[in-house]
Amino acid sequence: MNVPIGLFAYIAAMNQKHDRQEVLSKGLKLFCTKGYSNLGVDEICKSTGMTKGAFYNAFKSKENFLLDSMVSYGSNQVEYLIREVGKNRNLKAADRLQKLYVDMINKQPEINFMGCMINNMMSELGAVNELVGKCTNTEFNKFLNVIEPIVKEAQNEGDFRKDIKSRAIAELLHSTFYGSLTIAKSQNSVRMAEATIKLLFESLKRD
């Protein structure tokens, strides 16, 4: 039986192994730059080198691909936060936190103001897609779980007011950070975003 040469190429492409984490990494960048609604499976496949068959075999749908990308991003972000807040132990907790957020804001020009994937998807889909809403909320709370112990440390050191619960302060810090990312992206500048973060820390200091 004569098999068309093109069929061999098709079968080889279908059987090609793709590094899942590399594919997810490329996907999250696409979601951050294009958004969910403006991104099609064709573009995802072109960027990742996957065929449509391989894509749907691995992820089933664009929505599942988004959810997997968010979980992967969230895990990487948690590792980053843990690593960064663990640095500069010579600084007090409040100063370490402020440095963390200011540094993240100031990295935005390097990544073309992509912002945070969780924040981006929360803003675009959180209110209209139940699965995405639950996923973004779960990842957001994982971030807070890293930030809250440092907030408590700052309260114990007398640098943050104690009449506000540590969880509420952690939520305020990270929510304001998300808002600052939006400001930075809209203005293509970190100046006001950085000032907003610094002002928030000043307001949290104990009277």
Protein backbone atom coordinates (compact mmCIF):
# COMPACT_ATOMS: atom_id res chain seq x y z
CA MET A 1 0.00 0.00 0.00
CA ASN A 2 1.33 3.40 -0.96
CA VAL A 3 1.02 5.91 1.87
CA PRO A 4 1.21 9.59 0.90
CA ILE A 5 4.41 11.21 2.11
CA GLY A 6 2.39 14.05 3.63
CA LEU A 7 0.63 11.57 5.89
CA PHE A 8 3.93 10.53 7.47
CA ALA A 9 4.65 14.17 8.27
CA TYR A 10 1.19 14.57 9.77
CA ILE A 11 1.57 11.47 11.95
CA ALA A 12 5.05 12.60 13.06
CA ALA A 13 3.65 16.01 14.03
CA MET A 14 0.81 14.39 15.97
CA ASN A 15 3.25 12.17 17.86
CA GLN A 16 5.78 14.91 18.58
CA LYS A 17 6.41 15.30 22.28
CA HIS A 18 6.06 18.80 23.70
CA ASP A 19 7.41 19.96 27.03
CA ARG A 20 4.21 20.75 28.94
CA GLN A 21 5.74 23.45 31.12
CA GLU A 22 7.33 25.16 28.13
CA VAL A 23 3.99 25.14 26.32
CA LEU A 24 2.21 26.57 29.37
CA SER A 25 4.90 29.22 29.75
CA LYS A 26 4.39 30.37 26.17
CA GLY A 27 0.65 30.25 26.69
CA LEU A 28 0.64 32.48 29.75
CA LYS A 29 2.67 35.08 27.85
CA LEU A 30 0.10 35.00 25.06
CA PHE A 31 -2.79 35.38 27.51
CA CYS A 32 -1.02 38.29 29.23
CA THR A 33 -0.36 40.15 25.98
CA LYS A 34 -3.46 39.27 23.95
CA GLY A 35 -6.07 38.47 26.58
CA TYR A 36 -8.33 35.42 26.43
CA SER A 37 -11.01 36.59 24.02
CA ASN A 38 -8.55 37.89 21.43
CA LEU A 39 -6.43 34.74 21.42
CA GLY A 40 -7.33 31.84 19.17
CA VAL A 41 -6.20 28.23 19.22
CA ASP A 42 -4.48 28.73 15.84
CA GLU A 43 -2.21 31.37 17.34
CA ILE A 44 -1.53 29.23 20.41
CA CYS A 45 -0.51 26.32 18.19
CA LYS A 46 1.67 28.54 16.02
CA SER A 47 3.47 29.93 19.08
CA THR A 48 3.90 26.59 20.84
CA GLY A 49 4.66 24.51 17.76
CA MET A 50 1.76 22.16 18.47
CA THR A 51 -0.69 20.84 15.95
CA LYS A 52 -4.36 21.37 16.71
CA GLY A 53 -4.72 17.65 17.27
CA ALA A 54 -1.87 17.61 19.78
CA PHE A 55 -3.25 20.69 21.51
CA TYR A 56 -6.74 19.29 21.97
CA ASN A 57 -5.32 15.92 22.97
CA ALA A 58 -3.25 17.56 25.71
CA PHE A 59 -5.63 20.28 26.94
CA LYS A 60 -9.10 19.45 25.52
CA SER A 61 -10.06 23.13 25.13
CA LYS A 62 -8.72 26.68 25.18
CA GLU A 63 -10.43 27.19 28.54
CA ASN A 64 -8.61 24.21 30.07
CA PHE A 65 -5.36 25.49 28.61
CA LEU A 66 -5.99 28.82 30.31
CA LEU A 67 -6.76 27.16 33.65
CA ASP A 68 -3.61 25.02 33.46
CA SER A 69 -1.57 28.09 32.52
CA MET A 70 -2.92 30.02 35.51
CA VAL A 71 -2.10 27.22 37.94
CA SER A 72 1.41 26.96 36.49
CA TYR A 73 1.85 30.73 36.71
CA GLY A 74 0.51 30.74 40.27
CA SER A 75 2.99 28.09 41.39
CA ASN A 76 5.88 30.01 39.88
CA GLN A 77 4.68 33.22 41.46
CA VAL A 78 4.39 31.64 44.91
CA GLU A 79 7.98 30.39 44.61
CA TYR A 80 9.07 33.87 43.55
CA LEU A 81 7.29 35.57 46.46
CA ILE A 82 8.73 33.14 49.00
CA ARG A 83 12.21 33.64 47.61
CA GLU A 84 11.98 37.43 47.52
CA VAL A 85 10.46 37.99 50.96
CA GLY A 86 13.14 35.70 52.35
CA LYS A 87 15.87 38.00 51.12
CA ASN A 88 17.31 41.05 52.86
CA ARG A 89 16.87 39.69 56.37
CA ASN A 90 18.76 42.72 57.59
CA LEU A 91 15.65 44.77 56.74
CA LYS A 92 12.54 44.92 58.89
CA ALA A 93 9.48 43.06 57.65
CA ALA A 94 7.58 46.15 56.47
CA ASP A 95 10.60 47.33 54.48
CA ARG A 96 11.04 43.89 52.90
CA LEU A 97 7.41 43.91 51.83
CA GLN A 98 7.62 47.40 50.39
CA LYS A 99 10.77 46.49 48.50
CA LEU A 100 9.04 43.39 47.13
CA TYR A 101 6.13 45.34 45.68
CA VAL A 102 8.19 48.26 44.40
CA ASP A 103 10.60 45.86 42.70
CA MET A 104 7.72 43.99 41.03
CA ILE A 105 6.28 47.28 39.78
CA ASN A 106 9.65 48.40 38.44
CA LYS A 107 10.08 45.16 36.48
CA GLN A 108 7.05 45.95 34.34
CA PRO A 109 8.92 47.89 31.61
CA GLU A 110 11.22 44.87 31.15
CA ILE A 111 8.24 42.63 30.35
CA ASN A 112 6.37 45.21 28.26
CA PHE A 113 3.84 45.90 31.03
CA MET A 114 2.31 42.41 30.83
CA GLY A 115 1.13 42.74 34.42
CA CYS A 116 0.14 39.67 36.43
CA MET A 117 -1.66 36.85 34.61
CA ILE A 118 -3.97 36.19 37.57
CA ASN A 119 -4.96 39.84 37.75
CA ASN A 120 -5.42 40.06 33.98
CA MET A 121 -7.71 37.04 33.81
CA MET A 122 -9.55 38.08 36.97
CA SER A 123 -10.33 41.41 35.33
CA GLU A 124 -11.31 39.96 31.96
CA LEU A 125 -13.17 36.79 32.91
CA GLY A 126 -13.53 36.53 36.68
CA ALA A 127 -17.11 37.81 36.73
CA VAL A 128 -18.35 35.93 33.65
CA ASN A 129 -16.61 32.55 33.81
CA GLU A 130 -17.17 30.58 37.00
CA LEU A 131 -14.19 28.26 36.56
CA VAL A 132 -11.80 31.11 35.85
CA GLY A 133 -13.25 33.09 38.76
CA LYS A 134 -12.65 30.19 41.16
CA CYS A 135 -9.14 29.59 39.81
CA THR A 136 -8.07 33.23 40.08
CA ASN A 137 -9.47 33.43 43.60
CA THR A 138 -7.60 30.28 44.62
CA GLU A 139 -4.30 31.53 43.22
CA PHE A 140 -4.81 34.98 44.75
CA ASN A 141 -5.26 33.40 48.17
CA LYS A 142 -2.06 31.38 47.71
CA PHE A 143 -0.24 34.68 47.22
CA LEU A 144 -1.84 36.07 50.38
CA ASN A 145 -0.68 33.01 52.30
CA VAL A 146 2.90 34.08 51.55
CA ILE A 147 2.35 37.77 52.31
CA GLU A 148 0.30 37.51 55.52
CA PRO A 149 3.07 36.07 57.78
CA ILE A 150 5.33 38.97 56.80
CA VAL A 151 2.50 41.38 57.62
CA LYS A 152 2.18 39.76 61.06
CA GLU A 153 5.93 40.13 61.51
CA ALA A 154 5.67 43.84 60.66
CA GLN A 155 2.85 44.20 63.18
CA ASN A 156 4.89 42.47 65.88
CA GLU A 157 7.82 44.76 65.11
CA GLY A 158 5.52 47.75 65.64
CA ASP A 159 5.70 49.02 62.05
CA PHE A 160 2.16 48.13 60.96
CA ARG A 161 -0.94 49.07 62.89
CA LYS A 162 -2.56 46.22 64.81
CA ASP A 163 -6.17 47.41 64.69
CA ILE A 164 -6.49 45.86 61.21
CA LYS A 165 -6.29 42.08 60.83
CA SER A 166 -3.17 40.79 59.12
CA ARG A 167 -5.21 39.04 56.41
CA ALA A 168 -7.05 42.24 55.60
CA ILE A 169 -3.75 44.09 55.27
CA ALA A 170 -2.36 41.36 53.01
CA GLU A 171 -5.49 41.60 50.83
CA LEU A 172 -5.17 45.39 50.70
CA LEU A 173 -1.50 45.21 49.73
CA HIS A 174 -1.95 42.72 46.93
CA SER A 175 -5.18 44.24 45.63
CA THR A 176 -3.53 47.66 45.50
CA PHE A 177 -0.56 46.09 43.74
CA TYR A 178 -2.93 44.73 41.10
CA GLY A 179 -4.50 48.15 40.68
CA SER A 180 -1.03 49.66 40.37
CA LEU A 181 -0.19 47.22 37.58
CA THR A 182 -3.26 48.43 35.70
CA ILE A 183 -2.18 52.03 36.18
CA ALA A 184 1.34 51.24 34.98
CA LYS A 185 0.03 49.48 31.88
CA SER A 186 -2.42 52.25 30.98
CA GLN A 187 0.22 54.96 31.39
CA ASN A 188 3.15 52.93 30.05
CA SER A 189 4.99 54.19 33.11
CA VAL A 190 5.66 52.97 36.65
CA ARG A 191 5.89 56.42 38.24
CA MET A 192 2.35 56.71 39.60
CA ALA A 193 2.11 52.97 40.36
CA GLU A 194 5.24 53.10 42.50
CA ALA A 195 4.01 56.22 44.27
CA THR A 196 0.70 54.50 45.04
CA ILE A 197 2.45 51.53 46.66
CA LYS A 198 4.69 53.78 48.76
CA LEU A 199 1.72 55.87 49.89
CA LEU A 200 -0.15 52.74 50.97
CA PHE A 201 2.77 51.59 53.10
CA GLU A 202 2.96 54.99 54.74
CA SER A 203 -0.74 54.82 55.60
CA LEU A 204 -0.31 51.38 57.21
CA LYS A 205 2.38 52.47 59.58
CA ARG A 206 1.34 52.60 63.18
CA ASP A 207 0.42 56.05 64.47
